[in-house]
Amino acid sequence: FLIALAAQDSWGAVTEIYPGESFKA
């Protein structure tokens, strides 16, 4: 479990965008 958790944290960033924000950026 700890190994899987550590791997998940280093996977990458999660970004959320909403209408009005730049999809391209």
PDBML (XML) file of the C-alpha atoms, coordinates in Angstrom:
<?xml version="1.0" encoding="UTF-8" ?>
<PDBx:datablock datablockName="MODEL"
   xmlns:PDBx="http://pdbml.pdb.org/schema/pdbx-v50.xsd"
   xmlns:xsi="http://www.w3.org/2001/XMLSchema-instance"
   xsi:schemaLocation="http://pdbml.pdb.org/schema/pdbx-v50.xsd pdbx-v50.xsd">
   <PDBx:atom_siteCategory>
      <PDBx:atom_site id="1">
         <PDBx:B_iso_or_equiv>0.00</PDBx:B_iso_or_equiv>
         <PDBx:Cartn_x>0.000</PDBx:Cartn_x>
         <PDBx:Cartn_y>0.000</PDBx:Cartn_y>
         <PDBx:Cartn_z>0.000</PDBx:Cartn_z>
         <PDBx:auth_asym_id>A</PDBx:auth_asym_id>
         <PDBx:auth_atom_id>CA</PDBx:auth_atom_id>
         <PDBx:auth_comp_id>PHE</PDBx:auth_comp_id>
         <PDBx:auth_seq_id>1</PDBx:auth_seq_id>
         <PDBx:group_PDB>ATOM</PDBx:group_PDB>
         <PDBx:label_alt_id xsi:nil="true" />
         <PDBx:label_asym_id>A</PDBx:label_asym_id>
         <PDBx:label_atom_id>CA</PDBx:label_atom_id>
         <PDBx:label_comp_id>PHE</PDBx:label_comp_id>
         <PDBx:label_entity_id>1</PDBx:label_entity_id>
         <PDBx:label_seq_id>1</PDBx:label_seq_id>
         <PDBx:occupancy>1.00</PDBx:occupancy>
         <PDBx:pdbx_PDB_model_num>1</PDBx:pdbx_PDB_model_num>
         <PDBx:type_symbol>C</PDBx:type_symbol>
      </PDBx:atom_site>
      <PDBx:atom_site id="2">
         <PDBx:B_iso_or_equiv>0.00</PDBx:B_iso_or_equiv>
         <PDBx:Cartn_x>2.773</PDBx:Cartn_x>
         <PDBx:Cartn_y>2.453</PDBx:Cartn_y>
         <PDBx:Cartn_z>0.906</PDBx:Cartn_z>
         <PDBx:auth_asym_id>A</PDBx:auth_asym_id>
         <PDBx:auth_atom_id>CA</PDBx:auth_atom_id>
         <PDBx:auth_comp_id>LEU</PDBx:auth_comp_id>
         <PDBx:auth_seq_id>2</PDBx:auth_seq_id>
         <PDBx:group_PDB>ATOM</PDBx:group_PDB>
         <PDBx:label_alt_id xsi:nil="true" />
         <PDBx:label_asym_id>A</PDBx:label_asym_id>
         <PDBx:label_atom_id>CA</PDBx:label_atom_id>
         <PDBx:label_comp_id>LEU</PDBx:label_comp_id>
         <PDBx:label_entity_id>1</PDBx:label_entity_id>
         <PDBx:label_seq_id>2</PDBx:label_seq_id>
         <PDBx:occupancy>1.00</PDBx:occupancy>
         <PDBx:pdbx_PDB_model_num>1</PDBx:pdbx_PDB_model_num>
         <PDBx:type_symbol>C</PDBx:type_symbol>
      </PDBx:atom_site>
      <PDBx:atom_site id="3">
         <PDBx:B_iso_or_equiv>0.00</PDBx:B_iso_or_equiv>
         <PDBx:Cartn_x>4.646</PDBx:Cartn_x>
         <PDBx:Cartn_y>1.751</PDBx:Cartn_y>
         <PDBx:Cartn_z>-2.327</PDBx:Cartn_z>
         <PDBx:auth_asym_id>A</PDBx:auth_asym_id>
         <PDBx:auth_atom_id>CA</PDBx:auth_atom_id>
         <PDBx:auth_comp_id>ILE</PDBx:auth_comp_id>
         <PDBx:auth_seq_id>3</PDBx:auth_seq_id>
         <PDBx:group_PDB>ATOM</PDBx:group_PDB>
         <PDBx:label_alt_id xsi:nil="true" />
         <PDBx:label_asym_id>A</PDBx:label_asym_id>
         <PDBx:label_atom_id>CA</PDBx:label_atom_id>
         <PDBx:label_comp_id>ILE</PDBx:label_comp_id>
         <PDBx:label_entity_id>1</PDBx:label_entity_id>
         <PDBx:label_seq_id>3</PDBx:label_seq_id>
         <PDBx:occupancy>1.00</PDBx:occupancy>
         <PDBx:pdbx_PDB_model_num>1</PDBx:pdbx_PDB_model_num>
         <PDBx:type_symbol>C</PDBx:type_symbol>
      </PDBx:atom_site>
      <PDBx:atom_site id="4">
         <PDBx:B_iso_or_equiv>0.00</PDBx:B_iso_or_equiv>
         <PDBx:Cartn_x>1.478</PDBx:Cartn_x>
         <PDBx:Cartn_y>2.291</PDBx:Cartn_y>
         <PDBx:Cartn_z>-4.378</PDBx:Cartn_z>
         <PDBx:auth_asym_id>A</PDBx:auth_asym_id>
         <PDBx:auth_atom_id>CA</PDBx:auth_atom_id>
         <PDBx:auth_comp_id>ALA</PDBx:auth_comp_id>
         <PDBx:auth_seq_id>4</PDBx:auth_seq_id>
         <PDBx:group_PDB>ATOM</PDBx:group_PDB>
         <PDBx:label_alt_id xsi:nil="true" />
         <PDBx:label_asym_id>A</PDBx:label_asym_id>
         <PDBx:label_atom_id>CA</PDBx:label_atom_id>
         <PDBx:label_comp_id>ALA</PDBx:label_comp_id>
         <PDBx:label_entity_id>1</PDBx:label_entity_id>
         <PDBx:label_seq_id>4</PDBx:label_seq_id>
         <PDBx:occupancy>1.00</PDBx:occupancy>
         <PDBx:pdbx_PDB_model_num>1</PDBx:pdbx_PDB_model_num>
         <PDBx:type_symbol>C</PDBx:type_symbol>
      </PDBx:atom_site>
      <PDBx:atom_site id="5">
         <PDBx:B_iso_or_equiv>0.00</PDBx:B_iso_or_equiv>
         <PDBx:Cartn_x>0.735</PDBx:Cartn_x>
         <PDBx:Cartn_y>5.502</PDBx:Cartn_y>
         <PDBx:Cartn_z>-2.501</PDBx:Cartn_z>
         <PDBx:auth_asym_id>A</PDBx:auth_asym_id>
         <PDBx:auth_atom_id>CA</PDBx:auth_atom_id>
         <PDBx:auth_comp_id>LEU</PDBx:auth_comp_id>
         <PDBx:auth_seq_id>5</PDBx:auth_seq_id>
         <PDBx:group_PDB>ATOM</PDBx:group_PDB>
         <PDBx:label_alt_id xsi:nil="true" />
         <PDBx:label_asym_id>A</PDBx:label_asym_id>
         <PDBx:label_atom_id>CA</PDBx:label_atom_id>
         <PDBx:label_comp_id>LEU</PDBx:label_comp_id>
         <PDBx:label_entity_id>1</PDBx:label_entity_id>
         <PDBx:label_seq_id>5</PDBx:label_seq_id>
         <PDBx:occupancy>1.00</PDBx:occupancy>
         <PDBx:pdbx_PDB_model_num>1</PDBx:pdbx_PDB_model_num>
         <PDBx:type_symbol>C</PDBx:type_symbol>
      </PDBx:atom_site>
      <PDBx:atom_site id="6">
         <PDBx:B_iso_or_equiv>0.00</PDBx:B_iso_or_equiv>
         <PDBx:Cartn_x>4.249</PDBx:Cartn_x>
         <PDBx:Cartn_y>6.851</PDBx:Cartn_y>
         <PDBx:Cartn_z>-3.101</PDBx:Cartn_z>
         <PDBx:auth_asym_id>A</PDBx:auth_asym_id>
         <PDBx:auth_atom_id>CA</PDBx:auth_atom_id>
         <PDBx:auth_comp_id>ALA</PDBx:auth_comp_id>
         <PDBx:auth_seq_id>6</PDBx:auth_seq_id>
         <PDBx:group_PDB>ATOM</PDBx:group_PDB>
         <PDBx:label_alt_id xsi:nil="true" />
         <PDBx:label_asym_id>A</PDBx:label_asym_id>
         <PDBx:label_atom_id>CA</PDBx:label_atom_id>
         <PDBx:label_comp_id>ALA</PDBx:label_comp_id>
         <PDBx:label_entity_id>1</PDBx:label_entity_id>
         <PDBx:label_seq_id>6</PDBx:label_seq_id>
         <PDBx:occupancy>1.00</PDBx:occupancy>
         <PDBx:pdbx_PDB_model_num>1</PDBx:pdbx_PDB_model_num>
         <PDBx:type_symbol>C</PDBx:type_symbol>
      </PDBx:atom_site>
      <PDBx:atom_site id="7">
         <PDBx:B_iso_or_equiv>0.00</PDBx:B_iso_or_equiv>
         <PDBx:Cartn_x>4.017</PDBx:Cartn_x>
         <PDBx:Cartn_y>6.028</PDBx:Cartn_y>
         <PDBx:Cartn_z>-6.808</PDBx:Cartn_z>
         <PDBx:auth_asym_id>A</PDBx:auth_asym_id>
         <PDBx:auth_atom_id>CA</PDBx:auth_atom_id>
         <PDBx:auth_comp_id>ALA</PDBx:auth_comp_id>
         <PDBx:auth_seq_id>7</PDBx:auth_seq_id>
         <PDBx:group_PDB>ATOM</PDBx:group_PDB>
         <PDBx:label_alt_id xsi:nil="true" />
         <PDBx:label_asym_id>A</PDBx:label_asym_id>
         <PDBx:label_atom_id>CA</PDBx:label_atom_id>
         <PDBx:label_comp_id>ALA</PDBx:label_comp_id>
         <PDBx:label_entity_id>1</PDBx:label_entity_id>
         <PDBx:label_seq_id>7</PDBx:label_seq_id>
         <PDBx:occupancy>1.00</PDBx:occupancy>
         <PDBx:pdbx_PDB_model_num>1</PDBx:pdbx_PDB_model_num>
         <PDBx:type_symbol>C</PDBx:type_symbol>
      </PDBx:atom_site>
      <PDBx:atom_site id="8">
         <PDBx:B_iso_or_equiv>0.00</PDBx:B_iso_or_equiv>
         <PDBx:Cartn_x>0.670</PDBx:Cartn_x>
         <PDBx:Cartn_y>7.787</PDBx:Cartn_y>
         <PDBx:Cartn_z>-7.085</PDBx:Cartn_z>
         <PDBx:auth_asym_id>A</PDBx:auth_asym_id>
         <PDBx:auth_atom_id>CA</PDBx:auth_atom_id>
         <PDBx:auth_comp_id>GLN</PDBx:auth_comp_id>
         <PDBx:auth_seq_id>8</PDBx:auth_seq_id>
         <PDBx:group_PDB>ATOM</PDBx:group_PDB>
         <PDBx:label_alt_id xsi:nil="true" />
         <PDBx:label_asym_id>A</PDBx:label_asym_id>
         <PDBx:label_atom_id>CA</PDBx:label_atom_id>
         <PDBx:label_comp_id>GLN</PDBx:label_comp_id>
         <PDBx:label_entity_id>1</PDBx:label_entity_id>
         <PDBx:label_seq_id>8</PDBx:label_seq_id>
         <PDBx:occupancy>1.00</PDBx:occupancy>
         <PDBx:pdbx_PDB_model_num>1</PDBx:pdbx_PDB_model_num>
         <PDBx:type_symbol>C</PDBx:type_symbol>
      </PDBx:atom_site>
      <PDBx:atom_site id="9">
         <PDBx:B_iso_or_equiv>0.00</PDBx:B_iso_or_equiv>
         <PDBx:Cartn_x>2.002</PDBx:Cartn_x>
         <PDBx:Cartn_y>10.984</PDBx:Cartn_y>
         <PDBx:Cartn_z>-5.517</PDBx:Cartn_z>
         <PDBx:auth_asym_id>A</PDBx:auth_asym_id>
         <PDBx:auth_atom_id>CA</PDBx:auth_atom_id>
         <PDBx:auth_comp_id>ASP</PDBx:auth_comp_id>
         <PDBx:auth_seq_id>9</PDBx:auth_seq_id>
         <PDBx:group_PDB>ATOM</PDBx:group_PDB>
         <PDBx:label_alt_id xsi:nil="true" />
         <PDBx:label_asym_id>A</PDBx:label_asym_id>
         <PDBx:label_atom_id>CA</PDBx:label_atom_id>
         <PDBx:label_comp_id>ASP</PDBx:label_comp_id>
         <PDBx:label_entity_id>1</PDBx:label_entity_id>
         <PDBx:label_seq_id>9</PDBx:label_seq_id>
         <PDBx:occupancy>1.00</PDBx:occupancy>
         <PDBx:pdbx_PDB_model_num>1</PDBx:pdbx_PDB_model_num>
         <PDBx:type_symbol>C</PDBx:type_symbol>
      </PDBx:atom_site>
      <PDBx:atom_site id="10">
         <PDBx:B_iso_or_equiv>0.00</PDBx:B_iso_or_equiv>
         <PDBx:Cartn_x>4.859</PDBx:Cartn_x>
         <PDBx:Cartn_y>11.166</PDBx:Cartn_y>
         <PDBx:Cartn_z>-8.010</PDBx:Cartn_z>
         <PDBx:auth_asym_id>A</PDBx:auth_asym_id>
         <PDBx:auth_atom_id>CA</PDBx:auth_atom_id>
         <PDBx:auth_comp_id>SER</PDBx:auth_comp_id>
         <PDBx:auth_seq_id>10</PDBx:auth_seq_id>
         <PDBx:group_PDB>ATOM</PDBx:group_PDB>
         <PDBx:label_alt_id xsi:nil="true" />
         <PDBx:label_asym_id>A</PDBx:label_asym_id>
         <PDBx:label_atom_id>CA</PDBx:label_atom_id>
         <PDBx:label_comp_id>SER</PDBx:label_comp_id>
         <PDBx:label_entity_id>1</PDBx:label_entity_id>
         <PDBx:label_seq_id>10</PDBx:label_seq_id>
         <PDBx:occupancy>1.00</PDBx:occupancy>
         <PDBx:pdbx_PDB_model_num>1</PDBx:pdbx_PDB_model_num>
         <PDBx:type_symbol>C</PDBx:type_symbol>
      </PDBx:atom_site>
      <PDBx:atom_site id="11">
         <PDBx:B_iso_or_equiv>0.00</PDBx:B_iso_or_equiv>
         <PDBx:Cartn_x>2.668</PDBx:Cartn_x>
         <PDBx:Cartn_y>10.430</PDBx:Cartn_y>
         <PDBx:Cartn_z>-11.041</PDBx:Cartn_z>
         <PDBx:auth_asym_id>A</PDBx:auth_asym_id>
         <PDBx:auth_atom_id>CA</PDBx:auth_atom_id>
         <PDBx:auth_comp_id>TRP</PDBx:auth_comp_id>
         <PDBx:auth_seq_id>11</PDBx:auth_seq_id>
         <PDBx:group_PDB>ATOM</PDBx:group_PDB>
         <PDBx:label_alt_id xsi:nil="true" />
         <PDBx:label_asym_id>A</PDBx:label_asym_id>
         <PDBx:label_atom_id>CA</PDBx:label_atom_id>
         <PDBx:label_comp_id>TRP</PDBx:label_comp_id>
         <PDBx:label_entity_id>1</PDBx:label_entity_id>
         <PDBx:label_seq_id>11</PDBx:label_seq_id>
         <PDBx:occupancy>1.00</PDBx:occupancy>
         <PDBx:pdbx_PDB_model_num>1</PDBx:pdbx_PDB_model_num>
         <PDBx:type_symbol>C</PDBx:type_symbol>
      </PDBx:atom_site>
      <PDBx:atom_site id="12">
         <PDBx:B_iso_or_equiv>0.00</PDBx:B_iso_or_equiv>
         <PDBx:Cartn_x>1.864</PDBx:Cartn_x>
         <PDBx:Cartn_y>13.986</PDBx:Cartn_y>
         <PDBx:Cartn_z>-12.073</PDBx:Cartn_z>
         <PDBx:auth_asym_id>A</PDBx:auth_asym_id>
         <PDBx:auth_atom_id>CA</PDBx:auth_atom_id>
         <PDBx:auth_comp_id>GLY</PDBx:auth_comp_id>
         <PDBx:auth_seq_id>12</PDBx:auth_seq_id>
         <PDBx:group_PDB>ATOM</PDBx:group_PDB>
         <PDBx:label_alt_id xsi:nil="true" />
         <PDBx:label_asym_id>A</PDBx:label_asym_id>
         <PDBx:label_atom_id>CA</PDBx:label_atom_id>
         <PDBx:label_comp_id>GLY</PDBx:label_comp_id>
         <PDBx:label_entity_id>1</PDBx:label_entity_id>
         <PDBx:label_seq_id>12</PDBx:label_seq_id>
         <PDBx:occupancy>1.00</PDBx:occupancy>
         <PDBx:pdbx_PDB_model_num>1</PDBx:pdbx_PDB_model_num>
         <PDBx:type_symbol>C</PDBx:type_symbol>
      </PDBx:atom_site>
      <PDBx:atom_site id="13">
         <PDBx:B_iso_or_equiv>0.00</PDBx:B_iso_or_equiv>
         <PDBx:Cartn_x>-0.194</PDBx:Cartn_x>
         <PDBx:Cartn_y>17.080</PDBx:Cartn_y>
         <PDBx:Cartn_z>-11.467</PDBx:Cartn_z>
         <PDBx:auth_asym_id>A</PDBx:auth_asym_id>
         <PDBx:auth_atom_id>CA</PDBx:auth_atom_id>
         <PDBx:auth_comp_id>ALA</PDBx:auth_comp_id>
         <PDBx:auth_seq_id>13</PDBx:auth_seq_id>
         <PDBx:group_PDB>ATOM</PDBx:group_PDB>
         <PDBx:label_alt_id xsi:nil="true" />
         <PDBx:label_asym_id>A</PDBx:label_asym_id>
         <PDBx:label_atom_id>CA</PDBx:label_atom_id>
         <PDBx:label_comp_id>ALA</PDBx:label_comp_id>
         <PDBx:label_entity_id>1</PDBx:label_entity_id>
         <PDBx:label_seq_id>13</PDBx:label_seq_id>
         <PDBx:occupancy>1.00</PDBx:occupancy>
         <PDBx:pdbx_PDB_model_num>1</PDBx:pdbx_PDB_model_num>
         <PDBx:type_symbol>C</PDBx:type_symbol>
      </PDBx:atom_site>
      <PDBx:atom_site id="14">
         <PDBx:B_iso_or_equiv>0.00</PDBx:B_iso_or_equiv>
         <PDBx:Cartn_x>-3.979</PDBx:Cartn_x>
         <PDBx:Cartn_y>17.224</PDBx:Cartn_y>
         <PDBx:Cartn_z>-11.740</PDBx:Cartn_z>
         <PDBx:auth_asym_id>A</PDBx:auth_asym_id>
         <PDBx:auth_atom_id>CA</PDBx:auth_atom_id>
         <PDBx:auth_comp_id>VAL</PDBx:auth_comp_id>
         <PDBx:auth_seq_id>14</PDBx:auth_seq_id>
         <PDBx:group_PDB>ATOM</PDBx:group_PDB>
         <PDBx:label_alt_id xsi:nil="true" />
         <PDBx:label_asym_id>A</PDBx:label_asym_id>
         <PDBx:label_atom_id>CA</PDBx:label_atom_id>
         <PDBx:label_comp_id>VAL</PDBx:label_comp_id>
         <PDBx:label_entity_id>1</PDBx:label_entity_id>
         <PDBx:label_seq_id>14</PDBx:label_seq_id>
         <PDBx:occupancy>1.00</PDBx:occupancy>
         <PDBx:pdbx_PDB_model_num>1</PDBx:pdbx_PDB_model_num>
         <PDBx:type_symbol>C</PDBx:type_symbol>
      </PDBx:atom_site>
      <PDBx:atom_site id="15">
         <PDBx:B_iso_or_equiv>0.00</PDBx:B_iso_or_equiv>
         <PDBx:Cartn_x>-5.339</PDBx:Cartn_x>
         <PDBx:Cartn_y>20.511</PDBx:Cartn_y>
         <PDBx:Cartn_z>-13.100</PDBx:Cartn_z>
         <PDBx:auth_asym_id>A</PDBx:auth_asym_id>
         <PDBx:auth_atom_id>CA</PDBx:auth_atom_id>
         <PDBx:auth_comp_id>THR</PDBx:auth_comp_id>
         <PDBx:auth_seq_id>15</PDBx:auth_seq_id>
         <PDBx:group_PDB>ATOM</PDBx:group_PDB>
         <PDBx:label_alt_id xsi:nil="true" />
         <PDBx:label_asym_id>A</PDBx:label_asym_id>
         <PDBx:label_atom_id>CA</PDBx:label_atom_id>
         <PDBx:label_comp_id>THR</PDBx:label_comp_id>
         <PDBx:label_entity_id>1</PDBx:label_entity_id>
         <PDBx:label_seq_id>15</PDBx:label_seq_id>
         <PDBx:occupancy>1.00</PDBx:occupancy>
         <PDBx:pdbx_PDB_model_num>1</PDBx:pdbx_PDB_model_num>
         <PDBx:type_symbol>C</PDBx:type_symbol>
      </PDBx:atom_site>
      <PDBx:atom_site id="16">
         <PDBx:B_iso_or_equiv>0.00</PDBx:B_iso_or_equiv>
         <PDBx:Cartn_x>-9.014</PDBx:Cartn_x>
         <PDBx:Cartn_y>21.447</PDBx:Cartn_y>
         <PDBx:Cartn_z>-13.349</PDBx:Cartn_z>
         <PDBx:auth_asym_id>A</PDBx:auth_asym_id>
         <PDBx:auth_atom_id>CA</PDBx:auth_atom_id>
         <PDBx:auth_comp_id>GLU</PDBx:auth_comp_id>
         <PDBx:auth_seq_id>16</PDBx:auth_seq_id>
         <PDBx:group_PDB>ATOM</PDBx:group_PDB>
         <PDBx:label_alt_id xsi:nil="true" />
         <PDBx:label_asym_id>A</PDBx:label_asym_id>
         <PDBx:label_atom_id>CA</PDBx:label_atom_id>
         <PDBx:label_comp_id>GLU</PDBx:label_comp_id>
         <PDBx:label_entity_id>1</PDBx:label_entity_id>
         <PDBx:label_seq_id>16</PDBx:label_seq_id>
         <PDBx:occupancy>1.00</PDBx:occupancy>
         <PDBx:pdbx_PDB_model_num>1</PDBx:pdbx_PDB_model_num>
         <PDBx:type_symbol>C</PDBx:type_symbol>
      </PDBx:atom_site>
      <PDBx:atom_site id="17">
         <PDBx:B_iso_or_equiv>0.00</PDBx:B_iso_or_equiv>
         <PDBx:Cartn_x>-10.322</PDBx:Cartn_x>
         <PDBx:Cartn_y>24.204</PDBx:Cartn_y>
         <PDBx:Cartn_z>-15.602</PDBx:Cartn_z>
         <PDBx:auth_asym_id>A</PDBx:auth_asym_id>
         <PDBx:auth_atom_id>CA</PDBx:auth_atom_id>
         <PDBx:auth_comp_id>ILE</PDBx:auth_comp_id>
         <PDBx:auth_seq_id>17</PDBx:auth_seq_id>
         <PDBx:group_PDB>ATOM</PDBx:group_PDB>
         <PDBx:label_alt_id xsi:nil="true" />
         <PDBx:label_asym_id>A</PDBx:label_asym_id>
         <PDBx:label_atom_id>CA</PDBx:label_atom_id>
         <PDBx:label_comp_id>ILE</PDBx:label_comp_id>
         <PDBx:label_entity_id>1</PDBx:label_entity_id>
         <PDBx:label_seq_id>17</PDBx:label_seq_id>
         <PDBx:occupancy>1.00</PDBx:occupancy>
         <PDBx:pdbx_PDB_model_num>1</PDBx:pdbx_PDB_model_num>
         <PDBx:type_symbol>C</PDBx:type_symbol>
      </PDBx:atom_site>
      <PDBx:atom_site id="18">
         <PDBx:B_iso_or_equiv>0.00</PDBx:B_iso_or_equiv>
         <PDBx:Cartn_x>-13.703</PDBx:Cartn_x>
         <PDBx:Cartn_y>25.921</PDBx:Cartn_y>
         <PDBx:Cartn_z>-15.720</PDBx:Cartn_z>
         <PDBx:auth_asym_id>A</PDBx:auth_asym_id>
         <PDBx:auth_atom_id>CA</PDBx:auth_atom_id>
         <PDBx:auth_comp_id>TYR</PDBx:auth_comp_id>
         <PDBx:auth_seq_id>18</PDBx:auth_seq_id>
         <PDBx:group_PDB>ATOM</PDBx:group_PDB>
         <PDBx:label_alt_id xsi:nil="true" />
         <PDBx:label_asym_id>A</PDBx:label_asym_id>
         <PDBx:label_atom_id>CA</PDBx:label_atom_id>
         <PDBx:label_comp_id>TYR</PDBx:label_comp_id>
         <PDBx:label_entity_id>1</PDBx:label_entity_id>
         <PDBx:label_seq_id>18</PDBx:label_seq_id>
         <PDBx:occupancy>1.00</PDBx:occupancy>
         <PDBx:pdbx_PDB_model_num>1</PDBx:pdbx_PDB_model_num>
         <PDBx:type_symbol>C</PDBx:type_symbol>
      </PDBx:atom_site>
      <PDBx:atom_site id="19">
         <PDBx:B_iso_or_equiv>0.00</PDBx:B_iso_or_equiv>
         <PDBx:Cartn_x>-15.524</PDBx:Cartn_x>
         <PDBx:Cartn_y>28.014</PDBx:Cartn_y>
         <PDBx:Cartn_z>-18.351</PDBx:Cartn_z>
         <PDBx:auth_asym_id>A</PDBx:auth_asym_id>
         <PDBx:auth_atom_id>CA</PDBx:auth_atom_id>
         <PDBx:auth_comp_id>PRO</PDBx:auth_comp_id>
         <PDBx:auth_seq_id>19</PDBx:auth_seq_id>
         <PDBx:group_PDB>ATOM</PDBx:group_PDB>
         <PDBx:label_alt_id xsi:nil="true" />
         <PDBx:label_asym_id>A</PDBx:label_asym_id>
         <PDBx:label_atom_id>CA</PDBx:label_atom_id>
         <PDBx:label_comp_id>PRO</PDBx:label_comp_id>
         <PDBx:label_entity_id>1</PDBx:label_entity_id>
         <PDBx:label_seq_id>19</PDBx:label_seq_id>
         <PDBx:occupancy>1.00</PDBx:occupancy>
         <PDBx:pdbx_PDB_model_num>1</PDBx:pdbx_PDB_model_num>
         <PDBx:type_symbol>C</PDBx:type_symbol>
      </PDBx:atom_site>
      <PDBx:atom_site id="20">
         <PDBx:B_iso_or_equiv>0.00</PDBx:B_iso_or_equiv>
         <PDBx:Cartn_x>-13.861</PDBx:Cartn_x>
         <PDBx:Cartn_y>31.385</PDBx:Cartn_y>
         <PDBx:Cartn_z>-18.759</PDBx:Cartn_z>
         <PDBx:auth_asym_id>A</PDBx:auth_asym_id>
         <PDBx:auth_atom_id>CA</PDBx:auth_atom_id>
         <PDBx:auth_comp_id>GLY</PDBx:auth_comp_id>
         <PDBx:auth_seq_id>20</PDBx:auth_seq_id>
         <PDBx:group_PDB>ATOM</PDBx:group_PDB>
         <PDBx:label_alt_id xsi:nil="true" />
         <PDBx:label_asym_id>A</PDBx:label_asym_id>
         <PDBx:label_atom_id>CA</PDBx:label_atom_id>
         <PDBx:label_comp_id>GLY</PDBx:label_comp_id>
         <PDBx:label_entity_id>1</PDBx:label_entity_id>
         <PDBx:label_seq_id>20</PDBx:label_seq_id>
         <PDBx:occupancy>1.00</PDBx:occupancy>
         <PDBx:pdbx_PDB_model_num>1</PDBx:pdbx_PDB_model_num>
         <PDBx:type_symbol>C</PDBx:type_symbol>
      </PDBx:atom_site>
      <PDBx:atom_site id="21">
         <PDBx:B_iso_or_equiv>0.00</PDBx:B_iso_or_equiv>
         <PDBx:Cartn_x>-10.377</PDBx:Cartn_x>
         <PDBx:Cartn_y>29.948</PDBx:Cartn_y>
         <PDBx:Cartn_z>-18.260</PDBx:Cartn_z>
         <PDBx:auth_asym_id>A</PDBx:auth_asym_id>
         <PDBx:auth_atom_id>CA</PDBx:auth_atom_id>
         <PDBx:auth_comp_id>GLU</PDBx:auth_comp_id>
         <PDBx:auth_seq_id>21</PDBx:auth_seq_id>
         <PDBx:group_PDB>ATOM</PDBx:group_PDB>
         <PDBx:label_alt_id xsi:nil="true" />
         <PDBx:label_asym_id>A</PDBx:label_asym_id>
         <PDBx:label_atom_id>CA</PDBx:label_atom_id>
         <PDBx:label_comp_id>GLU</PDBx:label_comp_id>
         <PDBx:label_entity_id>1</PDBx:label_entity_id>
         <PDBx:label_seq_id>21</PDBx:label_seq_id>
         <PDBx:occupancy>1.00</PDBx:occupancy>
         <PDBx:pdbx_PDB_model_num>1</PDBx:pdbx_PDB_model_num>
         <PDBx:type_symbol>C</PDBx:type_symbol>
      </PDBx:atom_site>
      <PDBx:atom_site id="22">
         <PDBx:B_iso_or_equiv>0.00</PDBx:B_iso_or_equiv>
         <PDBx:Cartn_x>-8.001</PDBx:Cartn_x>
         <PDBx:Cartn_y>29.287</PDBx:Cartn_y>
         <PDBx:Cartn_z>-21.140</PDBx:Cartn_z>
         <PDBx:auth_asym_id>A</PDBx:auth_asym_id>
         <PDBx:auth_atom_id>CA</PDBx:auth_atom_id>
         <PDBx:auth_comp_id>SER</PDBx:auth_comp_id>
         <PDBx:auth_seq_id>22</PDBx:auth_seq_id>
         <PDBx:group_PDB>ATOM</PDBx:group_PDB>
         <PDBx:label_alt_id xsi:nil="true" />
         <PDBx:label_asym_id>A</PDBx:label_asym_id>
         <PDBx:label_atom_id>CA</PDBx:label_atom_id>
         <PDBx:label_comp_id>SER</PDBx:label_comp_id>
         <PDBx:label_entity_id>1</PDBx:label_entity_id>
         <PDBx:label_seq_id>22</PDBx:label_seq_id>
         <PDBx:occupancy>1.00</PDBx:occupancy>
         <PDBx:pdbx_PDB_model_num>1</PDBx:pdbx_PDB_model_num>
         <PDBx:type_symbol>C</PDBx:type_symbol>
      </PDBx:atom_site>
      <PDBx:atom_site id="23">
         <PDBx:B_iso_or_equiv>0.00</PDBx:B_iso_or_equiv>
         <PDBx:Cartn_x>-8.097</PDBx:Cartn_x>
         <PDBx:Cartn_y>25.709</PDBx:Cartn_y>
         <PDBx:Cartn_z>-22.419</PDBx:Cartn_z>
         <PDBx:auth_asym_id>A</PDBx:auth_asym_id>
         <PDBx:auth_atom_id>CA</PDBx:auth_atom_id>
         <PDBx:auth_comp_id>PHE</PDBx:auth_comp_id>
         <PDBx:auth_seq_id>23</PDBx:auth_seq_id>
         <PDBx:group_PDB>ATOM</PDBx:group_PDB>
         <PDBx:label_alt_id xsi:nil="true" />
         <PDBx:label_asym_id>A</PDBx:label_asym_id>
         <PDBx:label_atom_id>CA</PDBx:label_atom_id>
         <PDBx:label_comp_id>PHE</PDBx:label_comp_id>
         <PDBx:label_entity_id>1</PDBx:label_entity_id>
         <PDBx:label_seq_id>23</PDBx:label_seq_id>
         <PDBx:occupancy>1.00</PDBx:occupancy>
         <PDBx:pdbx_PDB_model_num>1</PDBx:pdbx_PDB_model_num>
         <PDBx:type_symbol>C</PDBx:type_symbol>
      </PDBx:atom_site>
      <PDBx:atom_site id="24">
         <PDBx:B_iso_or_equiv>0.00</PDBx:B_iso_or_equiv>
         <PDBx:Cartn_x>-5.027</PDBx:Cartn_x>
         <PDBx:Cartn_y>26.391</PDBx:Cartn_y>
         <PDBx:Cartn_z>-24.546</PDBx:Cartn_z>
         <PDBx:auth_asym_id>A</PDBx:auth_asym_id>
         <PDBx:auth_atom_id>CA</PDBx:auth_atom_id>
         <PDBx:auth_comp_id>LYS</PDBx:auth_comp_id>
         <PDBx:auth_seq_id>24</PDBx:auth_seq_id>
         <PDBx:group_PDB>ATOM</PDBx:group_PDB>
         <PDBx:label_alt_id xsi:nil="true" />
         <PDBx:label_asym_id>A</PDBx:label_asym_id>
         <PDBx:label_atom_id>CA</PDBx:label_atom_id>
         <PDBx:label_comp_id>LYS</PDBx:label_comp_id>
         <PDBx:label_entity_id>1</PDBx:label_entity_id>
         <PDBx:label_seq_id>24</PDBx:label_seq_id>
         <PDBx:occupancy>1.00</PDBx:occupancy>
         <PDBx:pdbx_PDB_model_num>1</PDBx:pdbx_PDB_model_num>
         <PDBx:type_symbol>C</PDBx:type_symbol>
      </PDBx:atom_site>
      <PDBx:atom_site id="25">
         <PDBx:B_iso_or_equiv>0.00</PDBx:B_iso_or_equiv>
         <PDBx:Cartn_x>-2.965</PDBx:Cartn_x>
         <PDBx:Cartn_y>27.676</PDBx:Cartn_y>
         <PDBx:Cartn_z>-21.609</PDBx:Cartn_z>
         <PDBx:auth_asym_id>A</PDBx:auth_asym_id>
         <PDBx:auth_atom_id>CA</PDBx:auth_atom_id>
         <PDBx:auth_comp_id>ALA</PDBx:auth_comp_id>
         <PDBx:auth_seq_id>25</PDBx:auth_seq_id>
         <PDBx:group_PDB>ATOM</PDBx:group_PDB>
         <PDBx:label_alt_id xsi:nil="true" />
         <PDBx:label_asym_id>A</PDBx:label_asym_id>
         <PDBx:label_atom_id>CA</PDBx:label_atom_id>
         <PDBx:label_comp_id>ALA</PDBx:label_comp_id>
         <PDBx:label_entity_id>1</PDBx:label_entity_id>
         <PDBx:label_seq_id>25</PDBx:label_seq_id>
         <PDBx:occupancy>1.00</PDBx:occupancy>
         <PDBx:pdbx_PDB_model_num>1</PDBx:pdbx_PDB_model_num>
         <PDBx:type_symbol>C</PDBx:type_symbol>
      </PDBx:atom_site>
   </PDBx:atom_siteCategory>
</PDBx:datablock>
